[in-house]
Amino acid sequence: MTRYFDEELLELNKKLLEMSAEVENSIGLSVRALRELSRKLAESIIEGDKRIDNMELEIEEKCLNIIALYQPAAADLRFVVMSLKITTDLERMADLAVDIAERVLELADQPLLKPLIDIPKLATLAQGMIRDVINSFVNKDTELARSVILRDNEADELRNLVQIELINDYMIKDATTVPRAIPLLLVARHLERICDHATNIAEDVIYMVKAKVVKHRLQSLK
């Protein structure tokens, strides 16, 4: 029984890694679509969200089957339950990538308001946070999870830079820029929310490994 249980946990790890890779790729493609103002690429991201939704359902089913068949306890139970929570966060990240793609469709027939500088930085940060937080979960690495949480402030700062520039340098000075500025404001917000979801997972990893609650308690990370 133990061997089969271990195999099920390994398969669950594999599926989580596959789903996180899909989400990370979707985010990267959404920003590429924005840079290129590619309607075709944006539509492919929206269509591809169905695949990520199906992956979420598969992982949920596997988690419930593991609980029903093996009745895990203590650390193993926390691992399976956290897997369920993580898939929810990953699915929401994928939805935010879709939101970015929808903003691209709004902008596709007009030139970009300005060269993209901080938005790609924010996207790269979000992708790295996703990759690291899933690795921290699979490897039970609380130090890596902690590093993800600490990066959330950088995401907030990048979002703020985008907002300040678009509002002060464009929208206030020239009202005609508003229709092209608002989608970019929303893209920055969507990316920052993705980072928030990665932070949520990192907090859950620390709880899973150390049974230590760090939500809203930055001092506990020191």
C-alpha atoms as a PDB file:
ATOM      1  CA  MET A   1       0.000   0.000   0.000  1.00  0.00           C
ATOM      2  CA  THR A   2       2.806   2.415   0.916  1.00  0.00           C
ATOM      3  CA  ARG A   3       4.482   1.984  -2.489  1.00  0.00           C
ATOM      4  CA  TYR A   4       1.249   2.782  -4.334  1.00  0.00           C
ATOM      5  CA  PHE A   5       0.643   5.780  -2.099  1.00  0.00           C
ATOM      6  CA  ASP A   6       4.145   7.138  -2.795  1.00  0.00           C
ATOM      7  CA  GLU A   7       3.579   6.664  -6.515  1.00  0.00           C
ATOM      8  CA  GLU A   8       0.326   8.611  -6.306  1.00  0.00           C
ATOM      9  CA  LEU A   9       2.103  11.483  -4.544  1.00  0.00           C
ATOM     10  CA  LEU A  10       4.821  11.509  -7.197  1.00  0.00           C
ATOM     11  CA  GLU A  11       2.168  11.639  -9.921  1.00  0.00           C
ATOM     12  CA  LEU A  12       0.460  14.501  -8.098  1.00  0.00           C
ATOM     13  CA  ASN A  13       3.781  16.369  -7.983  1.00  0.00           C
ATOM     14  CA  LYS A  14       4.214  15.817 -11.707  1.00  0.00           C
ATOM     15  CA  LYS A  15       0.748  17.133 -12.543  1.00  0.00           C
ATOM     16  CA  LEU A  16       1.280  20.235 -10.403  1.00  0.00           C
ATOM     17  CA  LEU A  17       4.551  20.960 -12.181  1.00  0.00           C
ATOM     18  CA  GLU A  18       2.873  20.513 -15.571  1.00  0.00           C
ATOM     19  CA  MET A  19       0.017  22.839 -14.649  1.00  0.00           C
ATOM     20  CA  SER A  20       2.348  25.506 -13.263  1.00  0.00           C
ATOM     21  CA  ALA A  21       4.451  25.337 -16.438  1.00  0.00           C
ATOM     22  CA  GLU A  22       1.321  25.855 -18.545  1.00  0.00           C
ATOM     23  CA  VAL A  23       0.309  28.852 -16.423  1.00  0.00           C
ATOM     24  CA  GLU A  24       3.791  30.353 -16.556  1.00  0.00           C
ATOM     25  CA  ASN A  25       3.839  29.949 -20.335  1.00  0.00           C
ATOM     26  CA  SER A  26       0.399  31.507 -20.680  1.00  0.00           C
ATOM     27  CA  ILE A  27       1.540  34.596 -18.779  1.00  0.00           C
ATOM     28  CA  GLY A  28       4.632  34.935 -20.943  1.00  0.00           C
ATOM     29  CA  LEU A  29       2.595  34.597 -24.127  1.00  0.00           C
ATOM     30  CA  SER A  30       0.063  37.159 -22.937  1.00  0.00           C
ATOM     31  CA  VAL A  31       2.771  39.815 -22.552  1.00  0.00           C
ATOM     32  CA  ARG A  32       4.292  38.802 -25.884  1.00  0.00           C
ATOM     33  CA  ALA A  33       0.848  39.279 -27.441  1.00  0.00           C
ATOM     34  CA  LEU A  34       0.748  42.744 -25.878  1.00  0.00           C
ATOM     35  CA  ARG A  35       4.175  43.665 -27.215  1.00  0.00           C
ATOM     36  CA  GLU A  36       3.240  42.495 -30.704  1.00  0.00           C
ATOM     37  CA  LEU A  37      -0.407  43.563 -30.452  1.00  0.00           C
ATOM     38  CA  SER A  38      -1.174  40.118 -31.833  1.00  0.00           C
ATOM     39  CA  ARG A  39      -4.877  39.345 -31.957  1.00  0.00           C
ATOM     40  CA  LYS A  40      -4.135  35.775 -33.065  1.00  0.00           C
ATOM     41  CA  LEU A  41      -1.836  35.094 -30.098  1.00  0.00           C
ATOM     42  CA  ALA A  42      -4.279  36.672 -27.649  1.00  0.00           C
ATOM     43  CA  GLU A  43      -7.096  34.480 -28.958  1.00  0.00           C
ATOM     44  CA  SER A  44      -4.910  31.377 -28.639  1.00  0.00           C
ATOM     45  CA  ILE A  45      -4.301  32.188 -24.950  1.00  0.00           C
ATOM     46  CA  ILE A  46      -8.018  32.530 -24.324  1.00  0.00           C
ATOM     47  CA  GLU A  47      -8.691  29.237 -26.096  1.00  0.00           C
ATOM     48  CA  GLY A  48      -5.851  27.494 -24.251  1.00  0.00           C
ATOM     49  CA  ASP A  49      -7.385  28.341 -20.883  1.00  0.00           C
ATOM     50  CA  LYS A  50      -9.703  25.354 -21.309  1.00  0.00           C
ATOM     51  CA  ARG A  51      -6.677  23.060 -21.165  1.00  0.00           C
ATOM     52  CA  ILE A  52      -5.576  24.579 -17.854  1.00  0.00           C
ATOM     53  CA  ASP A  53      -9.106  24.274 -16.480  1.00  0.00           C
ATOM     54  CA  ASN A  54      -9.040  20.571 -17.350  1.00  0.00           C
ATOM     55  CA  MET A  55      -5.692  20.148 -15.608  1.00  0.00           C
ATOM     56  CA  GLU A  56      -7.169  21.709 -12.484  1.00  0.00           C
ATOM     57  CA  LEU A  57     -10.047  19.226 -12.546  1.00  0.00           C
ATOM     58  CA  GLU A  58      -7.664  16.291 -13.015  1.00  0.00           C
ATOM     59  CA  ILE A  59      -5.567  17.347 -10.022  1.00  0.00           C
ATOM     60  CA  GLU A  60      -8.634  17.899  -7.866  1.00  0.00           C
ATOM     61  CA  GLU A  61      -9.893  14.424  -8.746  1.00  0.00           C
ATOM     62  CA  LYS A  62      -6.513  12.869  -7.956  1.00  0.00           C
ATOM     63  CA  CYS A  63      -6.341  14.633  -4.584  1.00  0.00           C
ATOM     64  CA  LEU A  64      -9.831  13.465  -3.621  1.00  0.00           C
ATOM     65  CA  ASN A  65      -9.022   9.907  -4.722  1.00  0.00           C
ATOM     66  CA  ILE A  66      -5.843   9.903  -2.635  1.00  0.00           C
ATOM     67  CA  ILE A  67      -7.773  11.048   0.435  1.00  0.00           C
ATOM     68  CA  ALA A  68     -10.521   8.464  -0.123  1.00  0.00           C
ATOM     69  CA  LEU A  69      -8.225   5.507  -0.873  1.00  0.00           C
ATOM     70  CA  TYR A  70      -5.281   6.099   1.472  1.00  0.00           C
ATOM     71  CA  GLN A  71      -6.687   8.334   4.227  1.00  0.00           C
ATOM     72  CA  PRO A  72      -3.394  10.227   4.656  1.00  0.00           C
ATOM     73  CA  ALA A  73      -2.644  11.854   7.988  1.00  0.00           C
ATOM     74  CA  ALA A  74      -0.484  14.648   9.381  1.00  0.00           C
ATOM     75  CA  ALA A  75       2.101  15.960   6.858  1.00  0.00           C
ATOM     76  CA  ASP A  76       0.811  13.830   3.982  1.00  0.00           C
ATOM     77  CA  LEU A  77      -2.717  15.108   4.489  1.00  0.00           C
ATOM     78  CA  ARG A  78      -1.501  18.715   4.592  1.00  0.00           C
ATOM     79  CA  PHE A  79       0.384  18.088   1.340  1.00  0.00           C
ATOM     80  CA  VAL A  80      -2.717  16.790  -0.464  1.00  0.00           C
ATOM     81  CA  VAL A  81      -4.969  19.530   0.901  1.00  0.00           C
ATOM     82  CA  MET A  82      -2.438  22.206  -0.048  1.00  0.00           C
ATOM     83  CA  SER A  83      -2.295  20.703  -3.540  1.00  0.00           C
ATOM     84  CA  LEU A  84      -6.003  21.403  -3.855  1.00  0.00           C
ATOM     85  CA  LYS A  85      -5.487  25.001  -2.752  1.00  0.00           C
ATOM     86  CA  ILE A  86      -2.549  25.502  -5.074  1.00  0.00           C
ATOM     87  CA  THR A  87      -4.482  24.372  -8.142  1.00  0.00           C
ATOM     88  CA  THR A  88      -7.093  27.002  -7.312  1.00  0.00           C
ATOM     89  CA  ASP A  89      -4.425  29.720  -7.208  1.00  0.00           C
ATOM     90  CA  LEU A  90      -2.860  28.457 -10.437  1.00  0.00           C
ATOM     91  CA  GLU A  91      -6.219  28.435 -12.201  1.00  0.00           C
ATOM     92  CA  ARG A  92      -6.849  32.011 -11.098  1.00  0.00           C
ATOM     93  CA  MET A  93      -3.423  33.015 -12.424  1.00  0.00           C
ATOM     94  CA  ALA A  94      -4.376  31.476 -15.771  1.00  0.00           C
ATOM     95  CA  ASP A  95      -7.611  33.469 -15.713  1.00  0.00           C
ATOM     96  CA  LEU A  96      -5.574  36.639 -15.191  1.00  0.00           C
ATOM     97  CA  ALA A  97      -3.443  35.734 -18.216  1.00  0.00           C
ATOM     98  CA  VAL A  98      -6.719  35.507 -20.137  1.00  0.00           C
ATOM     99  CA  ASP A  99      -7.656  38.940 -18.795  1.00  0.00           C
ATOM    100  CA  ILE A 100      -4.379  40.288 -20.199  1.00  0.00           C
ATOM    101  CA  ALA A 101      -5.150  38.667 -23.552  1.00  0.00           C
ATOM    102  CA  GLU A 102      -8.536  40.379 -23.535  1.00  0.00           C
ATOM    103  CA  ARG A 103      -6.827  43.732 -22.945  1.00  0.00           C
ATOM    104  CA  VAL A 104      -4.654  42.955 -25.981  1.00  0.00           C
ATOM    105  CA  LEU A 105      -7.788  42.488 -28.082  1.00  0.00           C
ATOM    106  CA  GLU A 106      -8.924  45.941 -26.970  1.00  0.00           C
ATOM    107  CA  LEU A 107      -5.627  47.443 -28.158  1.00  0.00           C
ATOM    108  CA  ALA A 108      -4.940  45.312 -31.218  1.00  0.00           C
ATOM    109  CA  ASP A 109      -6.181  47.760 -33.834  1.00  0.00           C
ATOM    110  CA  GLN A 110      -4.196  50.767 -32.592  1.00  0.00           C
ATOM    111  CA  PRO A 111      -0.529  51.499 -31.852  1.00  0.00           C
ATOM    112  CA  LEU A 112       0.799  51.043 -28.340  1.00  0.00           C
ATOM    113  CA  LEU A 113       0.700  54.217 -26.294  1.00  0.00           C
ATOM    114  CA  LYS A 114       4.331  53.842 -25.210  1.00  0.00           C
ATOM    115  CA  PRO A 115       7.227  51.367 -25.284  1.00  0.00           C
ATOM    116  CA  LEU A 116       6.728  48.638 -22.696  1.00  0.00           C
ATOM    117  CA  ILE A 117       9.402  48.687 -19.985  1.00  0.00           C
ATOM    118  CA  ASP A 118       8.035  47.907 -16.530  1.00  0.00           C
ATOM    119  CA  ILE A 119       5.202  45.603 -17.662  1.00  0.00           C
ATOM    120  CA  PRO A 120       7.616  43.016 -19.155  1.00  0.00           C
ATOM    121  CA  LYS A 121       9.715  43.257 -15.967  1.00  0.00           C
ATOM    122  CA  LEU A 122       6.597  42.570 -13.927  1.00  0.00           C
ATOM    123  CA  ALA A 123       5.713  39.606 -16.146  1.00  0.00           C
ATOM    124  CA  THR A 124       9.213  38.130 -15.782  1.00  0.00           C
ATOM    125  CA  LEU A 125       8.964  38.569 -12.010  1.00  0.00           C
ATOM    126  CA  ALA A 126       5.568  36.838 -11.937  1.00  0.00           C
ATOM    127  CA  GLN A 127       6.825  33.904 -13.996  1.00  0.00           C
ATOM    128  CA  GLY A 128       9.837  33.456 -11.735  1.00  0.00           C
ATOM    129  CA  MET A 129       7.671  33.569  -8.623  1.00  0.00           C
ATOM    130  CA  ILE A 130       5.388  30.864 -10.026  1.00  0.00           C
ATOM    131  CA  ARG A 131       8.297  28.634 -10.972  1.00  0.00           C
ATOM    132  CA  ASP A 132      10.017  29.046  -7.606  1.00  0.00           C
ATOM    133  CA  VAL A 133       6.932  28.668  -5.466  1.00  0.00           C
ATOM    134  CA  ILE A 134       5.927  25.389  -7.102  1.00  0.00           C
ATOM    135  CA  ASN A 135       9.464  24.095  -6.683  1.00  0.00           C
ATOM    136  CA  SER A 136       9.355  25.161  -3.040  1.00  0.00           C
ATOM    137  CA  PHE A 137       6.142  23.185  -2.608  1.00  0.00           C
ATOM    138  CA  VAL A 138       7.371  20.037  -4.323  1.00  0.00           C
ATOM    139  CA  ASN A 139      10.710  20.111  -2.478  1.00  0.00           C
ATOM    140  CA  LYS A 140       9.272  21.399   0.817  1.00  0.00           C
ATOM    141  CA  ASP A 141      11.771  24.269   0.625  1.00  0.00           C
ATOM    142  CA  THR A 142      10.629  26.977   3.045  1.00  0.00           C
ATOM    143  CA  GLU A 143      13.593  29.257   2.278  1.00  0.00           C
ATOM    144  CA  LEU A 144      12.609  29.369  -1.397  1.00  0.00           C
ATOM    145  CA  ALA A 145       8.996  30.006  -0.374  1.00  0.00           C
ATOM    146  CA  ARG A 146      10.191  32.843   1.859  1.00  0.00           C
ATOM    147  CA  SER A 147      12.095  34.397  -1.058  1.00  0.00           C
ATOM    148  CA  VAL A 148       8.893  34.372  -3.129  1.00  0.00           C
ATOM    149  CA  ILE A 149       6.981  36.213  -0.405  1.00  0.00           C
ATOM    150  CA  LEU A 150       9.696  38.845  -0.135  1.00  0.00           C
ATOM    151  CA  ARG A 151       9.506  39.486  -3.911  1.00  0.00           C
ATOM    152  CA  ASP A 152       5.882  40.577  -3.656  1.00  0.00           C
ATOM    153  CA  ASN A 153       6.961  44.095  -2.670  1.00  0.00           C
ATOM    154  CA  GLU A 154       8.915  44.375  -5.922  1.00  0.00           C
ATOM    155  CA  ALA A 155       5.758  43.450  -7.833  1.00  0.00           C
ATOM    156  CA  ASP A 156       3.822  46.186  -6.026  1.00  0.00           C
ATOM    157  CA  GLU A 157       6.529  48.725  -6.833  1.00  0.00           C
ATOM    158  CA  LEU A 158       6.566  47.844 -10.535  1.00  0.00           C
ATOM    159  CA  ARG A 159       2.770  48.096 -10.732  1.00  0.00           C
ATOM    160  CA  ASN A 160       2.954  51.500  -9.038  1.00  0.00           C
ATOM    161  CA  LEU A 161       5.584  52.700 -11.511  1.00  0.00           C
ATOM    162  CA  VAL A 162       3.316  51.743 -14.409  1.00  0.00           C
ATOM    163  CA  GLN A 163       0.358  53.520 -12.839  1.00  0.00           C
ATOM    164  CA  ILE A 164       2.275  56.700 -12.019  1.00  0.00           C
ATOM    165  CA  GLU A 165       3.738  56.981 -15.514  1.00  0.00           C
ATOM    166  CA  LEU A 166       0.492  56.296 -17.368  1.00  0.00           C
ATOM    167  CA  ILE A 167      -1.604  58.603 -15.207  1.00  0.00           C
ATOM    168  CA  ASN A 168       0.830  61.515 -14.778  1.00  0.00           C
ATOM    169  CA  ASP A 169       2.639  61.468 -18.127  1.00  0.00           C
ATOM    170  CA  TYR A 170      -0.249  60.522 -20.397  1.00  0.00           C
ATOM    171  CA  MET A 171      -3.810  60.501 -19.052  1.00  0.00           C
ATOM    172  CA  ILE A 172      -3.629  63.809 -17.157  1.00  0.00           C
ATOM    173  CA  LYS A 173      -1.735  65.599 -19.913  1.00  0.00           C
ATOM    174  CA  ASP A 174      -3.784  64.286 -22.838  1.00  0.00           C
ATOM    175  CA  ALA A 175      -7.296  62.884 -22.339  1.00  0.00           C
ATOM    176  CA  THR A 176      -7.233  61.265 -25.783  1.00  0.00           C
ATOM    177  CA  THR A 177      -4.700  58.745 -24.467  1.00  0.00           C
ATOM    178  CA  VAL A 178      -7.123  57.352 -21.865  1.00  0.00           C
ATOM    179  CA  PRO A 179      -8.609  54.541 -24.039  1.00  0.00           C
ATOM    180  CA  ARG A 180      -5.109  53.177 -24.706  1.00  0.00           C
ATOM    181  CA  ALA A 181      -3.790  53.804 -21.181  1.00  0.00           C
ATOM    182  CA  ILE A 182      -6.527  52.044 -19.223  1.00  0.00           C
ATOM    183  CA  PRO A 183      -5.872  48.564 -20.718  1.00  0.00           C
ATOM    184  CA  LEU A 184      -2.181  48.943 -19.801  1.00  0.00           C
ATOM    185  CA  LEU A 185      -3.141  49.929 -16.250  1.00  0.00           C
ATOM    186  CA  LEU A 186      -5.263  46.805 -16.042  1.00  0.00           C
ATOM    187  CA  VAL A 187      -2.464  44.608 -17.410  1.00  0.00           C
ATOM    188  CA  ALA A 188      -0.159  45.835 -14.636  1.00  0.00           C
ATOM    189  CA  ARG A 189      -2.868  45.123 -12.093  1.00  0.00           C
ATOM    190  CA  HIS A 190      -3.457  41.621 -13.493  1.00  0.00           C
ATOM    191  CA  LEU A 191       0.261  40.812 -13.297  1.00  0.00           C
ATOM    192  CA  GLU A 192       0.496  42.099  -9.739  1.00  0.00           C
ATOM    193  CA  ARG A 193      -2.450  39.906  -8.772  1.00  0.00           C
ATOM    194  CA  ILE A 194      -0.635  36.901 -10.259  1.00  0.00           C
ATOM    195  CA  CYS A 195       2.254  37.681  -7.921  1.00  0.00           C
ATOM    196  CA  ASP A 196      -0.212  37.843  -5.027  1.00  0.00           C
ATOM    197  CA  HIS A 197      -1.405  34.327  -5.843  1.00  0.00           C
ATOM    198  CA  ALA A 198       2.190  33.083  -5.910  1.00  0.00           C
ATOM    199  CA  THR A 199       2.654  34.682  -2.495  1.00  0.00           C
ATOM    200  CA  ASN A 200      -0.442  32.895  -1.212  1.00  0.00           C
ATOM    201  CA  ILE A 201       1.043  29.566  -2.284  1.00  0.00           C
ATOM    202  CA  ALA A 202       4.363  30.411  -0.631  1.00  0.00           C
ATOM    203  CA  GLU A 203       2.582  31.123   2.652  1.00  0.00           C
ATOM    204  CA  ASP A 204       0.795  27.778   2.370  1.00  0.00           C
ATOM    205  CA  VAL A 205       4.114  26.004   1.742  1.00  0.00           C
ATOM    206  CA  ILE A 206       5.537  27.377   4.983  1.00  0.00           C
ATOM    207  CA  TYR A 207       2.407  26.299   6.832  1.00  0.00           C
ATOM    208  CA  MET A 208       2.530  22.842   5.277  1.00  0.00           C
ATOM    209  CA  VAL A 209       6.167  22.250   6.210  1.00  0.00           C
ATOM    210  CA  LYS A 210       6.434  24.057   9.525  1.00  0.00           C
ATOM    211  CA  ALA A 211       2.799  24.382  10.618  1.00  0.00           C
ATOM    212  CA  LYS A 212       3.598  28.102  10.936  1.00  0.00           C
ATOM    213  CA  VAL A 213       1.121  30.763   9.839  1.00  0.00           C
ATOM    214  CA  VAL A 214       2.812  33.702   8.099  1.00  0.00           C
ATOM    215  CA  LYS A 215      -0.173  35.341   6.384  1.00  0.00           C
ATOM    216  CA  HIS A 216      -0.218  39.091   7.114  1.00  0.00           C
ATOM    217  CA  ARG A 217       2.743  38.654   9.463  1.00  0.00           C
ATOM    218  CA  LEU A 218       5.868  39.853   7.695  1.00  0.00           C
ATOM    219  CA  GLN A 219       7.800  39.891  10.963  1.00  0.00           C
ATOM    220  CA  SER A 220       7.519  36.103  11.080  1.00  0.00           C
ATOM    221  CA  LEU A 221       9.668  35.893   7.953  1.00  0.00           C
ATOM    222  CA  LYS A 222      12.629  37.598   9.605  1.00  0.00           C
END
